[in-house]
C-alpha cells in the first residue's frame, strides 16, 4: 500500500536538509567528477597497484615464514593483512573496473577476467 504524500513520515531535525537537496545537481557533479577522474587514470595508478600488490605479498610472505616459529601475533597480523588487502584494495577495485582502461595487462587486470578460473589451467 502506498503512503499518501500528505501523510509522509516527519523528518528528524537533523534530516531537514534532505527537503531542499538538489539531487539532479548532485548527480551531475558526481558524473563530472567520475569523468574527470577517469581521464586522469594512467601510469601512476598502475604503479600504485603494483606497490599495493608488492606490500600485500610481503605481508603474506612474512606471515607464512613466521607461523611455524611458535605462538606469536606477527603471523596473525601479517596473514590477516594479506587477506584483507587482497580483497579490499586489490580485488574490489579490479572487479569494479578500476584498472580496465589504464593497466597494460588486460588479461589479468580486467573486471571480466580477474579471478576467473582455477589456479591451474
N, C-alpha and C. Protein backbone atom coordinates (compact mmCIF):
# COMPACT_ATOMS: atom_id res chain seq x y z
N UNK A 1 0.83 -1.17 0.00
CA UNK A 1 0.00 0.00 0.00
C UNK A 1 0.88 1.24 0.00
N UNK A 2 0.51 2.23 -0.75
CA UNK A 2 1.29 3.47 -0.83
C UNK A 2 0.88 4.45 0.26
N UNK A 3 1.86 5.20 0.71
CA UNK A 3 1.59 6.23 1.71
C UNK A 3 1.30 7.53 0.98
N UNK A 4 0.17 8.16 1.23
CA UNK A 4 -0.13 9.45 0.58
C UNK A 4 0.93 10.48 0.95
N UNK A 5 1.20 11.41 0.04
CA UNK A 5 2.25 12.41 0.26
C UNK A 5 2.00 13.26 1.50
N UNK A 6 0.76 13.58 1.75
CA UNK A 6 0.47 14.45 2.88
C UNK A 6 0.63 13.74 4.22
N UNK A 7 0.71 12.40 4.21
CA UNK A 7 0.90 11.67 5.47
C UNK A 7 2.28 11.02 5.55
N UNK A 8 3.21 11.55 4.80
CA UNK A 8 4.58 11.02 4.84
C UNK A 8 5.16 11.23 6.23
N UNK A 9 6.04 10.34 6.67
CA UNK A 9 6.64 10.48 8.00
C UNK A 9 7.41 11.79 8.11
N UNK A 10 7.37 12.36 9.29
CA UNK A 10 8.09 13.62 9.54
C UNK A 10 9.58 13.34 9.62
N UNK A 11 10.36 14.26 9.07
CA UNK A 11 11.82 14.12 9.11
C UNK A 11 12.34 14.61 10.46
N UNK A 12 13.36 13.93 10.93
CA UNK A 12 14.03 14.38 12.16
C UNK A 12 14.69 15.73 11.89
N UNK A 13 14.94 16.48 12.94
CA UNK A 13 15.55 17.80 12.81
C UNK A 13 16.88 17.71 12.06
N UNK A 14 17.65 16.67 12.31
CA UNK A 14 18.96 16.53 11.65
C UNK A 14 18.84 16.14 10.19
N UNK A 15 17.65 15.72 9.75
CA UNK A 15 17.45 15.31 8.36
C UNK A 15 16.68 16.32 7.52
N UNK A 16 16.45 17.49 8.03
CA UNK A 16 15.65 18.51 7.33
C UNK A 16 16.32 18.96 6.03
N UNK A 17 17.63 18.86 5.96
CA UNK A 17 18.37 19.30 4.76
C UNK A 17 17.94 18.53 3.52
N UNK A 18 17.42 17.33 3.70
CA UNK A 18 17.06 16.48 2.56
C UNK A 18 15.90 17.08 1.75
N UNK A 19 15.08 17.91 2.40
CA UNK A 19 13.95 18.54 1.69
C UNK A 19 14.42 19.43 0.55
N UNK A 20 15.53 20.13 0.75
CA UNK A 20 15.99 21.07 -0.27
C UNK A 20 17.23 20.57 -1.01
N UNK A 21 17.56 19.30 -0.85
CA UNK A 21 18.75 18.74 -1.50
C UNK A 21 18.53 18.68 -3.01
N UNK A 22 19.51 19.12 -3.77
CA UNK A 22 19.44 19.14 -5.23
C UNK A 22 19.99 17.82 -5.78
N UNK A 23 19.11 16.83 -5.93
CA UNK A 23 19.54 15.52 -6.40
C UNK A 23 20.08 15.57 -7.83
N UNK A 24 19.46 16.35 -8.69
CA UNK A 24 19.93 16.44 -10.07
C UNK A 24 21.31 17.10 -10.14
N UNK A 25 21.51 18.14 -9.35
CA UNK A 25 22.81 18.79 -9.30
C UNK A 25 23.89 17.88 -8.74
N UNK A 26 23.54 17.13 -7.69
CA UNK A 26 24.47 16.18 -7.10
C UNK A 26 24.85 15.10 -8.11
N UNK A 27 23.85 14.59 -8.83
CA UNK A 27 24.11 13.58 -9.85
C UNK A 27 25.03 14.12 -10.93
N UNK A 28 24.79 15.33 -11.38
CA UNK A 28 25.64 15.95 -12.41
C UNK A 28 27.06 16.14 -11.89
N UNK A 29 27.20 16.58 -10.64
CA UNK A 29 28.54 16.76 -10.05
C UNK A 29 29.29 15.44 -9.96
N UNK A 30 28.60 14.37 -9.56
CA UNK A 30 29.25 13.06 -9.44
C UNK A 30 29.67 12.53 -10.81
N UNK A 31 28.82 12.76 -11.81
CA UNK A 31 29.16 12.33 -13.19
C UNK A 31 30.38 13.09 -13.68
N UNK A 32 30.41 14.39 -13.44
CA UNK A 32 31.53 15.22 -13.86
C UNK A 32 32.82 14.78 -13.17
N UNK A 33 32.74 14.52 -11.87
CA UNK A 33 33.91 14.06 -11.12
C UNK A 33 34.39 12.71 -11.64
N UNK A 34 33.47 11.78 -11.90
CA UNK A 34 33.83 10.47 -12.44
C UNK A 34 34.52 10.58 -13.78
N UNK A 35 34.00 11.43 -14.66
CA UNK A 35 34.62 11.62 -15.97
C UNK A 35 36.02 12.21 -15.84
N UNK A 36 36.18 13.18 -14.93
CA UNK A 36 37.49 13.80 -14.72
C UNK A 36 38.50 12.80 -14.17
N UNK A 37 38.09 12.01 -13.19
CA UNK A 37 38.99 11.01 -12.62
C UNK A 37 39.36 9.95 -13.63
N UNK A 38 38.41 9.56 -14.47
CA UNK A 38 38.69 8.56 -15.50
C UNK A 38 39.71 9.07 -16.51
N UNK A 39 39.60 10.35 -16.87
CA UNK A 39 40.57 10.94 -17.81
C UNK A 39 41.97 10.98 -17.22
N UNK A 40 42.08 11.11 -15.90
CA UNK A 40 43.37 11.25 -15.25
C UNK A 40 44.02 9.91 -14.88
N UNK A 41 43.38 8.78 -15.20
CA UNK A 41 43.98 7.49 -14.92
C UNK A 41 45.18 7.26 -15.82
N UNK A 42 46.18 6.56 -15.30
CA UNK A 42 47.35 6.29 -16.14
C UNK A 42 48.41 5.51 -15.40
N UNK A 43 49.66 5.81 -15.74
CA UNK A 43 50.81 5.07 -15.21
C UNK A 43 50.92 5.17 -13.69
N UNK A 44 50.57 6.29 -13.12
CA UNK A 44 50.66 6.43 -11.67
C UNK A 44 49.72 5.45 -10.98
N UNK A 45 48.55 5.19 -11.55
CA UNK A 45 47.61 4.23 -10.98
C UNK A 45 48.15 2.81 -11.08
N UNK A 46 48.78 2.49 -12.19
CA UNK A 46 49.37 1.16 -12.38
C UNK A 46 50.51 0.96 -11.38
N UNK A 47 51.35 1.97 -11.21
CA UNK A 47 52.46 1.87 -10.24
C UNK A 47 51.92 1.71 -8.82
N UNK A 48 50.84 2.42 -8.51
CA UNK A 48 50.23 2.30 -7.18
C UNK A 48 49.70 0.87 -6.97
N UNK A 49 49.04 0.31 -7.97
CA UNK A 49 48.54 -1.06 -7.86
C UNK A 49 49.71 -2.03 -7.65
N UNK A 50 50.76 -1.87 -8.41
CA UNK A 50 51.92 -2.76 -8.27
C UNK A 50 52.54 -2.64 -6.87
N UNK A 51 52.57 -1.43 -6.34
CA UNK A 51 53.10 -1.23 -4.99
C UNK A 51 52.21 -1.91 -3.96
N UNK A 52 50.89 -1.80 -4.10
CA UNK A 52 49.98 -2.44 -3.17
C UNK A 52 50.07 -3.97 -3.24
N UNK A 53 50.23 -4.50 -4.46
CA UNK A 53 50.39 -5.95 -4.62
C UNK A 53 51.69 -6.40 -3.95
N UNK A 54 52.77 -5.62 -4.12
CA UNK A 54 54.05 -5.97 -3.51
C UNK A 54 53.93 -5.99 -1.98
N UNK A 55 53.34 -4.95 -1.40
CA UNK A 55 53.19 -4.90 0.06
C UNK A 55 52.29 -6.03 0.56
N UNK A 56 51.25 -6.32 -0.17
CA UNK A 56 50.36 -7.42 0.20
C UNK A 56 51.13 -8.74 0.17
N UNK A 57 51.90 -8.96 -0.88
CA UNK A 57 52.70 -10.18 -0.98
C UNK A 57 53.72 -10.27 0.14
N UNK A 58 54.30 -9.14 0.52
CA UNK A 58 55.27 -9.14 1.61
C UNK A 58 54.59 -9.54 2.92
N UNK A 59 53.40 -9.07 3.15
CA UNK A 59 52.66 -9.47 4.36
C UNK A 59 52.40 -10.97 4.34
N UNK A 60 51.99 -11.49 3.19
CA UNK A 60 51.76 -12.93 3.08
C UNK A 60 53.03 -13.72 3.31
N UNK A 61 54.13 -13.27 2.77
CA UNK A 61 55.42 -13.95 2.95
C UNK A 61 55.86 -13.93 4.41
N UNK A 62 55.78 -12.78 5.05
CA UNK A 62 56.14 -12.68 6.47
C UNK A 62 55.26 -13.60 7.30
N UNK A 63 53.96 -13.63 7.02
CA UNK A 63 53.05 -14.50 7.75
C UNK A 63 53.37 -15.96 7.57
N UNK A 64 53.66 -16.37 6.35
CA UNK A 64 53.98 -17.77 6.09
C UNK A 64 55.31 -18.17 6.74
N UNK A 65 56.29 -17.28 6.69
CA UNK A 65 57.60 -17.61 7.25
C UNK A 65 57.63 -17.62 8.77
N UNK A 66 56.74 -16.87 9.40
CA UNK A 66 56.77 -16.77 10.86
C UNK A 66 55.73 -17.64 11.56
N UNK A 67 54.82 -18.27 10.83
CA UNK A 67 53.77 -19.00 11.52
C UNK A 67 54.25 -20.30 12.16
N UNK A 68 55.40 -20.80 11.80
CA UNK A 68 55.92 -22.01 12.41
C UNK A 68 56.89 -21.76 13.53
N UNK A 69 57.07 -20.52 13.92
CA UNK A 69 58.07 -20.17 14.93
C UNK A 69 57.50 -20.12 16.34
N UNK A 70 56.35 -20.63 16.55
CA UNK A 70 55.73 -20.59 17.86
C UNK A 70 54.56 -19.63 17.88
N UNK A 71 53.93 -19.51 19.03
CA UNK A 71 52.78 -18.64 19.19
C UNK A 71 53.24 -17.18 19.17
N UNK A 72 52.70 -16.43 18.22
CA UNK A 72 53.09 -15.03 18.06
C UNK A 72 51.99 -14.28 17.35
N UNK A 73 51.93 -13.01 17.58
CA UNK A 73 50.95 -12.15 16.92
C UNK A 73 51.38 -11.79 15.50
N UNK A 74 52.66 -11.89 15.20
CA UNK A 74 53.19 -11.47 13.89
C UNK A 74 52.55 -12.23 12.73
N UNK A 75 52.51 -13.57 12.73
CA UNK A 75 51.86 -14.23 11.59
C UNK A 75 50.37 -13.94 11.49
N UNK A 76 49.73 -13.76 12.61
CA UNK A 76 48.29 -13.46 12.61
C UNK A 76 48.03 -12.12 11.92
N UNK A 77 48.77 -11.10 12.32
CA UNK A 77 48.60 -9.77 11.74
C UNK A 77 49.02 -9.78 10.27
N UNK A 78 50.15 -10.42 9.97
CA UNK A 78 50.65 -10.43 8.59
C UNK A 78 49.69 -11.15 7.65
N UNK A 79 49.21 -12.32 8.04
CA UNK A 79 48.30 -13.08 7.16
C UNK A 79 46.93 -12.43 7.05
N UNK A 80 46.44 -11.84 8.13
CA UNK A 80 45.14 -11.16 8.04
C UNK A 80 45.25 -9.90 7.19
N UNK A 81 46.37 -9.20 7.30
CA UNK A 81 46.58 -8.01 6.46
C UNK A 81 46.70 -8.41 4.99
N UNK A 82 47.39 -9.52 4.73
CA UNK A 82 47.50 -10.04 3.36
C UNK A 82 46.11 -10.32 2.78
N UNK A 83 45.29 -11.05 3.53
CA UNK A 83 43.96 -11.40 3.06
C UNK A 83 43.08 -10.15 2.89
N UNK A 84 43.12 -9.28 3.88
CA UNK A 84 42.31 -8.06 3.84
C UNK A 84 42.67 -7.19 2.65
N UNK A 85 43.97 -6.97 2.41
CA UNK A 85 44.37 -6.11 1.31
C UNK A 85 44.05 -6.73 -0.04
N UNK A 86 44.13 -8.05 -0.14
CA UNK A 86 43.79 -8.70 -1.41
C UNK A 86 42.33 -8.48 -1.76
N UNK A 87 41.45 -8.56 -0.78
CA UNK A 87 40.03 -8.41 -1.05
C UNK A 87 39.61 -6.96 -1.16
N UNK A 88 40.04 -6.13 -0.23
CA UNK A 88 39.50 -4.77 -0.18
C UNK A 88 40.22 -3.78 -1.07
N UNK A 89 41.50 -3.95 -1.27
CA UNK A 89 42.25 -2.94 -2.02
C UNK A 89 42.56 -3.37 -3.44
N UNK A 90 42.73 -4.65 -3.66
CA UNK A 90 43.12 -5.11 -4.99
C UNK A 90 41.90 -5.66 -5.74
N UNK A 91 41.27 -6.69 -5.18
CA UNK A 91 40.14 -7.31 -5.88
C UNK A 91 38.95 -6.37 -6.03
N UNK A 92 38.65 -5.61 -5.00
CA UNK A 92 37.48 -4.73 -5.05
C UNK A 92 37.58 -3.73 -6.21
N UNK A 93 38.71 -3.05 -6.31
CA UNK A 93 38.86 -2.04 -7.35
C UNK A 93 38.99 -2.67 -8.74
N UNK A 94 39.62 -3.83 -8.81
CA UNK A 94 39.72 -4.51 -10.10
C UNK A 94 38.36 -5.00 -10.56
N UNK A 95 37.60 -5.60 -9.66
CA UNK A 95 36.28 -6.13 -10.03
C UNK A 95 35.28 -5.03 -10.41
N UNK A 96 35.50 -3.81 -9.93
CA UNK A 96 34.65 -2.68 -10.32
C UNK A 96 35.19 -1.97 -11.56
N UNK A 97 36.24 -2.51 -12.19
CA UNK A 97 36.75 -1.96 -13.43
C UNK A 97 37.72 -0.81 -13.25
N UNK A 98 38.31 -0.68 -12.08
CA UNK A 98 39.22 0.43 -11.81
C UNK A 98 40.47 0.46 -12.67
N UNK A 99 40.88 -0.72 -13.19
CA UNK A 99 42.11 -0.76 -13.98
C UNK A 99 41.84 -1.17 -15.43
N UNK A 100 40.59 -1.25 -15.82
CA UNK A 100 40.24 -1.70 -17.17
C UNK A 100 40.88 -0.85 -18.27
N UNK A 101 40.93 0.44 -18.07
CA UNK A 101 41.38 1.33 -19.14
C UNK A 101 42.83 1.75 -19.02
N UNK A 102 43.47 1.50 -17.87
CA UNK A 102 44.82 2.04 -17.70
C UNK A 102 45.90 0.97 -17.56
N UNK A 103 45.56 -0.24 -17.18
CA UNK A 103 46.60 -1.25 -16.98
C UNK A 103 46.93 -1.93 -18.30
N UNK A 104 48.23 -2.06 -18.62
CA UNK A 104 48.60 -2.67 -19.90
C UNK A 104 48.30 -4.18 -19.98
N UNK A 105 48.25 -4.87 -18.83
CA UNK A 105 47.98 -6.31 -18.83
C UNK A 105 46.48 -6.55 -18.72
N UNK A 106 45.80 -6.47 -19.84
CA UNK A 106 44.34 -6.58 -19.86
C UNK A 106 43.85 -8.00 -19.56
N UNK A 107 44.72 -9.00 -19.71
CA UNK A 107 44.29 -10.37 -19.45
C UNK A 107 44.20 -10.67 -17.96
N UNK A 108 44.86 -9.88 -17.11
CA UNK A 108 44.80 -10.11 -15.67
C UNK A 108 44.00 -9.04 -14.94
N UNK A 109 44.21 -7.78 -15.27
CA UNK A 109 43.62 -6.68 -14.51
C UNK A 109 42.40 -6.11 -15.23
N UNK A 110 41.46 -6.98 -15.54
CA UNK A 110 40.22 -6.60 -16.19
C UNK A 110 39.06 -7.17 -15.38
N UNK A 111 38.01 -6.41 -15.21
CA UNK A 111 36.91 -6.85 -14.34
C UNK A 111 36.25 -8.14 -14.81
N UNK A 112 36.31 -8.43 -16.11
CA UNK A 112 35.67 -9.65 -16.62
C UNK A 112 36.61 -10.85 -16.63
N UNK A 113 37.88 -10.63 -16.37
CA UNK A 113 38.86 -11.72 -16.41
C UNK A 113 39.54 -11.96 -15.07
N UNK A 114 39.49 -10.99 -14.17
CA UNK A 114 40.17 -11.09 -12.89
C UNK A 114 39.54 -12.18 -12.03
N UNK A 115 40.37 -13.08 -11.52
CA UNK A 115 39.97 -14.14 -10.60
C UNK A 115 38.95 -15.11 -11.21
N UNK A 116 38.96 -15.26 -12.52
CA UNK A 116 38.08 -16.20 -13.18
C UNK A 116 38.89 -17.45 -13.49
N UNK A 117 38.36 -18.58 -13.15
CA UNK A 117 39.06 -19.85 -13.39
C UNK A 117 39.83 -20.30 -12.17
N UNK A 118 40.45 -21.44 -12.31
CA UNK A 118 41.20 -22.01 -11.20
C UNK A 118 42.66 -21.58 -11.20
N UNK A 119 43.38 -22.12 -10.25
CA UNK A 119 44.80 -21.84 -10.14
C UNK A 119 45.57 -22.52 -11.27
N UNK A 120 45.15 -23.74 -11.61
CA UNK A 120 45.81 -24.49 -12.67
C UNK A 120 44.97 -24.44 -13.92
N UNK A 121 45.63 -24.18 -15.04
CA UNK A 121 44.89 -24.10 -16.30
C UNK A 121 45.37 -25.16 -17.26
